[in-house]
Amino acid sequence: MRRNRRLACVLFSLLLCVCLLITSNAGAVTANLKMQLSTRTGPGTQYDEPGTYFQNDWQSTQVEVISAAWDNHNDIWWVQVDFLVKGTSYRAYTGLKRVNVDINTVYHDTLLGIDSTTSAAKAYWGPGSNYAMSKFNVPKGTAVKVYDVENGFVQVEFYDARTATSDRSMRRAWLMR
């Protein structure tokens, strides 16, 4: 049992190292908002909706566009944006229609691997403890898809049966490695 656990930890660590070599958010693009920023934890309506930001001051707000992902269900592009609200950092997805950016200049999300968590983990809104903490953790043994690695954190996508409202409900979050 211990040997299997160690092997799983080693394999997960190797996957994360490979992810570090593959991913880079150095190509982030600064963009203006076209309207208020409605957000999702992932690229689609099947993800949690954490909130709407810049309702009154969107005209003067800029965000960093980190990546883009195509939503096959709704046939639209979503972009992952990084922004600051009242001194707290956030990273979330919003529909492309809300951000003034050329989709061809943005890195496209790529599935890097599939694994499962070896212990319960705190979830953050972005790759760092300076980002807001999610109100939900990620339980031990959760099957996850890995999409990004940055700053010692890994972005994962998972189904959370504790809070799912349908079989399509998904969540993305950043976990400390």
C-alpha atoms as a PDB file:
ATOM      1  CA  MET A   1       0.000   0.000   0.000  1.00  0.00           C
ATOM      2  CA  ARG A   2       2.756   2.466   0.940  1.00  0.00           C
ATOM      3  CA  ARG A   3       4.720   1.508  -2.145  1.00  0.00           C
ATOM      4  CA  ASN A   4       1.672   2.203  -4.363  1.00  0.00           C
ATOM      5  CA  ARG A   5       1.163   5.569  -2.669  1.00  0.00           C
ATOM      6  CA  ARG A   6       4.827   6.487  -3.151  1.00  0.00           C
ATOM      7  CA  LEU A   7       4.685   5.402  -6.771  1.00  0.00           C
ATOM      8  CA  ALA A   8       1.554   7.494  -7.319  1.00  0.00           C
ATOM      9  CA  CYS A   9       3.269  10.532  -5.749  1.00  0.00           C
ATOM     10  CA  VAL A  10       6.358  10.036  -7.914  1.00  0.00           C
ATOM     11  CA  LEU A  11       4.262   9.697 -11.078  1.00  0.00           C
ATOM     12  CA  PHE A  12       2.234  12.810 -10.206  1.00  0.00           C
ATOM     13  CA  SER A  13       5.474  14.734  -9.542  1.00  0.00           C
ATOM     14  CA  LEU A  14       6.890  13.643 -12.901  1.00  0.00           C
ATOM     15  CA  LEU A  15       3.681  14.736 -14.634  1.00  0.00           C
ATOM     16  CA  LEU A  16       3.954  18.147 -12.987  1.00  0.00           C
ATOM     17  CA  CYS A  17       7.599  18.489 -14.039  1.00  0.00           C
ATOM     18  CA  VAL A  18       6.666  17.735 -17.638  1.00  0.00           C
ATOM     19  CA  CYS A  19       3.857  20.281 -17.348  1.00  0.00           C
ATOM     20  CA  LEU A  20       6.342  22.899 -16.148  1.00  0.00           C
ATOM     21  CA  LEU A  21       8.416  22.380 -19.257  1.00  0.00           C
ATOM     22  CA  ILE A  22       5.404  22.602 -21.573  1.00  0.00           C
ATOM     23  CA  THR A  23       3.370  25.495 -20.177  1.00  0.00           C
ATOM     24  CA  SER A  24       4.101  29.153 -19.897  1.00  0.00           C
ATOM     25  CA  ASN A  25       1.866  32.133 -19.250  1.00  0.00           C
ATOM     26  CA  ALA A  26       4.545  34.566 -20.362  1.00  0.00           C
ATOM     27  CA  GLY A  27       2.345  35.355 -23.362  1.00  0.00           C
ATOM     28  CA  ALA A  28      -0.402  37.025 -21.324  1.00  0.00           C
ATOM     29  CA  VAL A  29      -2.091  39.872 -23.192  1.00  0.00           C
ATOM     30  CA  THR A  30      -3.427  43.045 -21.544  1.00  0.00           C
ATOM     31  CA  ALA A  31      -6.945  43.846 -22.715  1.00  0.00           C
ATOM     32  CA  ASN A  32      -9.809  46.239 -21.992  1.00  0.00           C
ATOM     33  CA  LEU A  33     -13.221  44.993 -20.967  1.00  0.00           C
ATOM     34  CA  LYS A  34     -16.196  45.501 -23.319  1.00  0.00           C
ATOM     35  CA  MET A  35     -18.745  45.054 -20.511  1.00  0.00           C
ATOM     36  CA  GLN A  36     -18.930  43.902 -16.882  1.00  0.00           C
ATOM     37  CA  LEU A  37     -16.926  40.776 -16.109  1.00  0.00           C
ATOM     38  CA  SER A  38     -19.166  37.749 -15.501  1.00  0.00           C
ATOM     39  CA  THR A  39     -16.983  34.811 -14.495  1.00  0.00           C
ATOM     40  CA  ARG A  40     -16.893  31.022 -14.398  1.00  0.00           C
ATOM     41  CA  THR A  41     -14.290  28.738 -12.823  1.00  0.00           C
ATOM     42  CA  GLY A  42     -13.781  27.077 -16.220  1.00  0.00           C
ATOM     43  CA  PRO A  43     -14.497  27.639 -19.912  1.00  0.00           C
ATOM     44  CA  GLY A  44     -18.223  26.949 -20.113  1.00  0.00           C
ATOM     45  CA  THR A  45     -21.619  27.288 -18.487  1.00  0.00           C
ATOM     46  CA  GLN A  46     -21.203  23.906 -16.775  1.00  0.00           C
ATOM     47  CA  TYR A  47     -18.641  25.472 -14.398  1.00  0.00           C
ATOM     48  CA  ASP A  48     -19.375  27.348 -11.170  1.00  0.00           C
ATOM     49  CA  GLU A  49     -20.274  31.017 -11.501  1.00  0.00           C
ATOM     50  CA  PRO A  50     -18.244  32.773  -8.811  1.00  0.00           C
ATOM     51  CA  GLY A  51     -19.436  36.299  -9.520  1.00  0.00           C
ATOM     52  CA  THR A  52     -19.654  39.410 -11.666  1.00  0.00           C
ATOM     53  CA  TYR A  53     -17.030  42.139 -11.316  1.00  0.00           C
ATOM     54  CA  PHE A  54     -16.534  45.736 -12.478  1.00  0.00           C
ATOM     55  CA  GLN A  55     -20.266  46.348 -12.871  1.00  0.00           C
ATOM     56  CA  ASN A  56     -19.919  50.132 -12.829  1.00  0.00           C
ATOM     57  CA  ASP A  57     -16.314  50.743 -13.880  1.00  0.00           C
ATOM     58  CA  TRP A  58     -15.723  48.191 -16.647  1.00  0.00           C
ATOM     59  CA  GLN A  59     -14.976  50.955 -19.206  1.00  0.00           C
ATOM     60  CA  SER A  60     -11.737  51.820 -17.426  1.00  0.00           C
ATOM     61  CA  THR A  61     -10.727  48.282 -16.414  1.00  0.00           C
ATOM     62  CA  GLN A  62      -7.956  46.196 -17.947  1.00  0.00           C
ATOM     63  CA  VAL A  63      -7.349  42.492 -17.375  1.00  0.00           C
ATOM     64  CA  GLU A  64      -4.553  40.106 -18.284  1.00  0.00           C
ATOM     65  CA  VAL A  65      -5.779  37.465 -20.733  1.00  0.00           C
ATOM     66  CA  ILE A  66      -3.919  34.256 -19.893  1.00  0.00           C
ATOM     67  CA  SER A  67      -5.454  31.649 -22.184  1.00  0.00           C
ATOM     68  CA  ALA A  68      -8.442  30.719 -24.336  1.00  0.00           C
ATOM     69  CA  ALA A  69     -10.590  27.596 -24.640  1.00  0.00           C
ATOM     70  CA  TRP A  70     -13.297  26.582 -27.081  1.00  0.00           C
ATOM     71  CA  ASP A  71     -16.642  25.519 -25.569  1.00  0.00           C
ATOM     72  CA  ASN A  72     -18.067  22.794 -27.823  1.00  0.00           C
ATOM     73  CA  HIS A  73     -21.376  22.762 -25.966  1.00  0.00           C
ATOM     74  CA  ASN A  74     -22.155  26.449 -26.564  1.00  0.00           C
ATOM     75  CA  ASP A  75     -19.903  27.027 -29.611  1.00  0.00           C
ATOM     76  CA  ILE A  76     -18.106  30.032 -28.135  1.00  0.00           C
ATOM     77  CA  TRP A  77     -14.622  31.027 -27.012  1.00  0.00           C
ATOM     78  CA  TRP A  78     -13.867  31.604 -23.336  1.00  0.00           C
ATOM     79  CA  VAL A  79     -10.793  33.431 -22.078  1.00  0.00           C
ATOM     80  CA  GLN A  80      -9.037  33.017 -18.743  1.00  0.00           C
ATOM     81  CA  VAL A  81      -8.377  36.443 -17.249  1.00  0.00           C
ATOM     82  CA  ASP A  82      -6.319  37.613 -14.303  1.00  0.00           C
ATOM     83  CA  PHE A  83      -7.582  40.656 -12.386  1.00  0.00           C
ATOM     84  CA  LEU A  84      -7.433  42.462  -9.042  1.00  0.00           C
ATOM     85  CA  VAL A  85     -10.438  43.420  -6.895  1.00  0.00           C
ATOM     86  CA  LYS A  86      -9.979  45.331  -3.621  1.00  0.00           C
ATOM     87  CA  GLY A  87      -6.383  44.123  -3.278  1.00  0.00           C
ATOM     88  CA  THR A  88      -7.168  40.442  -3.946  1.00  0.00           C
ATOM     89  CA  SER A  89      -6.060  38.613  -7.101  1.00  0.00           C
ATOM     90  CA  TYR A  90      -8.430  36.431  -9.105  1.00  0.00           C
ATOM     91  CA  ARG A  91      -8.133  34.290 -12.222  1.00  0.00           C
ATOM     92  CA  ALA A  92     -11.352  33.131 -13.884  1.00  0.00           C
ATOM     93  CA  TYR A  93     -12.969  32.503 -17.256  1.00  0.00           C
ATOM     94  CA  THR A  94     -15.324  34.802 -19.126  1.00  0.00           C
ATOM     95  CA  GLY A  95     -16.870  34.778 -22.578  1.00  0.00           C
ATOM     96  CA  LEU A  96     -14.691  36.282 -25.304  1.00  0.00           C
ATOM     97  CA  LYS A  97     -17.455  38.817 -26.058  1.00  0.00           C
ATOM     98  CA  ARG A  98     -16.602  40.568 -22.762  1.00  0.00           C
ATOM     99  CA  VAL A  99     -12.909  41.188 -23.522  1.00  0.00           C
ATOM    100  CA  ASN A 100     -11.300  43.183 -26.330  1.00  0.00           C
ATOM    101  CA  VAL A 101      -8.644  40.696 -27.451  1.00  0.00           C
ATOM    102  CA  ASP A 102      -7.686  38.901 -30.659  1.00  0.00           C
ATOM    103  CA  ILE A 103      -8.182  35.189 -29.927  1.00  0.00           C
ATOM    104  CA  ASN A 104      -5.268  34.362 -32.257  1.00  0.00           C
ATOM    105  CA  THR A 105      -2.817  36.139 -29.923  1.00  0.00           C
ATOM    106  CA  VAL A 106      -3.744  34.044 -26.871  1.00  0.00           C
ATOM    107  CA  TYR A 107      -2.402  30.665 -25.723  1.00  0.00           C
ATOM    108  CA  HIS A 108      -5.056  27.917 -26.033  1.00  0.00           C
ATOM    109  CA  ASP A 109      -5.684  25.643 -23.022  1.00  0.00           C
ATOM    110  CA  THR A 110      -4.278  22.146 -23.507  1.00  0.00           C
ATOM    111  CA  LEU A 111      -4.928  19.038 -21.435  1.00  0.00           C
ATOM    112  CA  LEU A 112      -1.539  18.085 -19.983  1.00  0.00           C
ATOM    113  CA  GLY A 113      -2.503  14.931 -18.099  1.00  0.00           C
ATOM    114  CA  ILE A 114      -4.947  13.059 -15.905  1.00  0.00           C
ATOM    115  CA  ASP A 115      -4.340  12.050 -12.293  1.00  0.00           C
ATOM    116  CA  SER A 116      -5.996  12.016  -8.884  1.00  0.00           C
ATOM    117  CA  THR A 117      -5.305  13.911  -5.683  1.00  0.00           C
ATOM    118  CA  THR A 118      -3.394  12.019  -2.994  1.00  0.00           C
ATOM    119  CA  SER A 119      -4.753  14.182  -0.175  1.00  0.00           C
ATOM    120  CA  ALA A 120      -7.365  16.882   0.345  1.00  0.00           C
ATOM    121  CA  ALA A 121      -6.124  20.208  -1.001  1.00  0.00           C
ATOM    122  CA  LYS A 122      -6.998  23.868  -0.571  1.00  0.00           C
ATOM    123  CA  ALA A 123      -8.186  25.394  -3.829  1.00  0.00           C
ATOM    124  CA  TYR A 124      -7.281  28.881  -5.001  1.00  0.00           C
ATOM    125  CA  TRP A 125      -8.557  31.203  -7.741  1.00  0.00           C
ATOM    126  CA  GLY A 126      -5.092  31.412  -9.247  1.00  0.00           C
ATOM    127  CA  PRO A 127      -1.515  30.168  -9.057  1.00  0.00           C
ATOM    128  CA  GLY A 128      -0.489  31.532  -5.677  1.00  0.00           C
ATOM    129  CA  SER A 129      -1.557  32.093  -2.106  1.00  0.00           C
ATOM    130  CA  ASN A 130      -2.033  35.789  -2.978  1.00  0.00           C
ATOM    131  CA  TYR A 131      -5.099  34.721  -4.986  1.00  0.00           C
ATOM    132  CA  ALA A 132      -8.490  34.374  -3.340  1.00  0.00           C
ATOM    133  CA  MET A 133      -9.116  30.994  -1.769  1.00  0.00           C
ATOM    134  CA  SER A 134     -12.023  29.012  -3.172  1.00  0.00           C
ATOM    135  CA  LYS A 135     -14.868  28.265  -0.775  1.00  0.00           C
ATOM    136  CA  PHE A 136     -14.468  24.539  -1.635  1.00  0.00           C
ATOM    137  CA  ASN A 137     -11.422  22.322  -1.208  1.00  0.00           C
ATOM    138  CA  VAL A 138     -10.594  19.363  -3.450  1.00  0.00           C
ATOM    139  CA  PRO A 139     -11.182  16.045  -1.654  1.00  0.00           C
ATOM    140  CA  LYS A 140      -8.594  13.269  -1.433  1.00  0.00           C
ATOM    141  CA  GLY A 141      -8.856  10.796  -4.302  1.00  0.00           C
ATOM    142  CA  THR A 142     -10.521  13.241  -6.705  1.00  0.00           C
ATOM    143  CA  ALA A 143      -9.879  12.471 -10.380  1.00  0.00           C
ATOM    144  CA  VAL A 144      -8.410  15.594 -11.981  1.00  0.00           C
ATOM    145  CA  LYS A 145      -7.394  16.805 -15.410  1.00  0.00           C
ATOM    146  CA  VAL A 146      -4.273  18.982 -15.370  1.00  0.00           C
ATOM    147  CA  TYR A 147      -4.297  22.095 -17.573  1.00  0.00           C
ATOM    148  CA  ASP A 148      -1.519  24.349 -16.316  1.00  0.00           C
ATOM    149  CA  VAL A 149       1.360  24.636 -13.884  1.00  0.00           C
ATOM    150  CA  GLU A 150       2.606  27.972 -12.629  1.00  0.00           C
ATOM    151  CA  ASN A 151       4.362  29.357  -9.569  1.00  0.00           C
ATOM    152  CA  GLY A 152       4.301  26.018  -7.711  1.00  0.00           C
ATOM    153  CA  PHE A 153       0.556  25.546  -8.314  1.00  0.00           C
ATOM    154  CA  VAL A 154      -1.291  23.291 -10.721  1.00  0.00           C
ATOM    155  CA  GLN A 155      -4.599  24.116 -12.438  1.00  0.00           C
ATOM    156  CA  VAL A 156      -6.959  21.141 -12.307  1.00  0.00           C
ATOM    157  CA  GLU A 157     -10.455  20.403 -13.555  1.00  0.00           C
ATOM    158  CA  PHE A 158     -12.728  18.006 -11.683  1.00  0.00           C
ATOM    159  CA  TYR A 159     -16.270  16.920 -10.957  1.00  0.00           C
ATOM    160  CA  ASP A 160     -17.306  17.646  -7.359  1.00  0.00           C
ATOM    161  CA  ALA A 161     -20.212  15.388  -6.388  1.00  0.00           C
ATOM    162  CA  ARG A 162     -20.617  17.314  -3.092  1.00  0.00           C
ATOM    163  CA  THR A 163     -21.843  20.445  -4.848  1.00  0.00           C
ATOM    164  CA  ALA A 164     -22.784  19.371  -8.397  1.00  0.00           C
ATOM    165  CA  THR A 165     -26.143  20.537  -9.680  1.00  0.00           C
ATOM    166  CA  SER A 166     -26.054  18.214 -12.708  1.00  0.00           C
ATOM    167  CA  ASP A 167     -23.915  15.500 -14.256  1.00  0.00           C
ATOM    168  CA  ARG A 168     -22.303  18.269 -16.372  1.00  0.00           C
ATOM    169  CA  SER A 169     -21.235  20.358 -13.350  1.00  0.00           C
ATOM    170  CA  MET A 170     -17.491  20.931 -13.349  1.00  0.00           C
ATOM    171  CA  ARG A 171     -14.991  23.041 -11.478  1.00  0.00           C
ATOM    172  CA  ARG A 172     -11.473  24.311 -12.150  1.00  0.00           C
ATOM    173  CA  ALA A 173      -9.146  25.399  -9.386  1.00  0.00           C
ATOM    174  CA  TRP A 174      -5.472  25.913  -8.587  1.00  0.00           C
ATOM    175  CA  LEU A 175      -3.820  23.580  -6.056  1.00  0.00           C
ATOM    176  CA  MET A 176      -0.434  23.914  -4.388  1.00  0.00           C
ATOM    177  CA  ARG A 177       1.905  21.128  -5.504  1.00  0.00           C
END
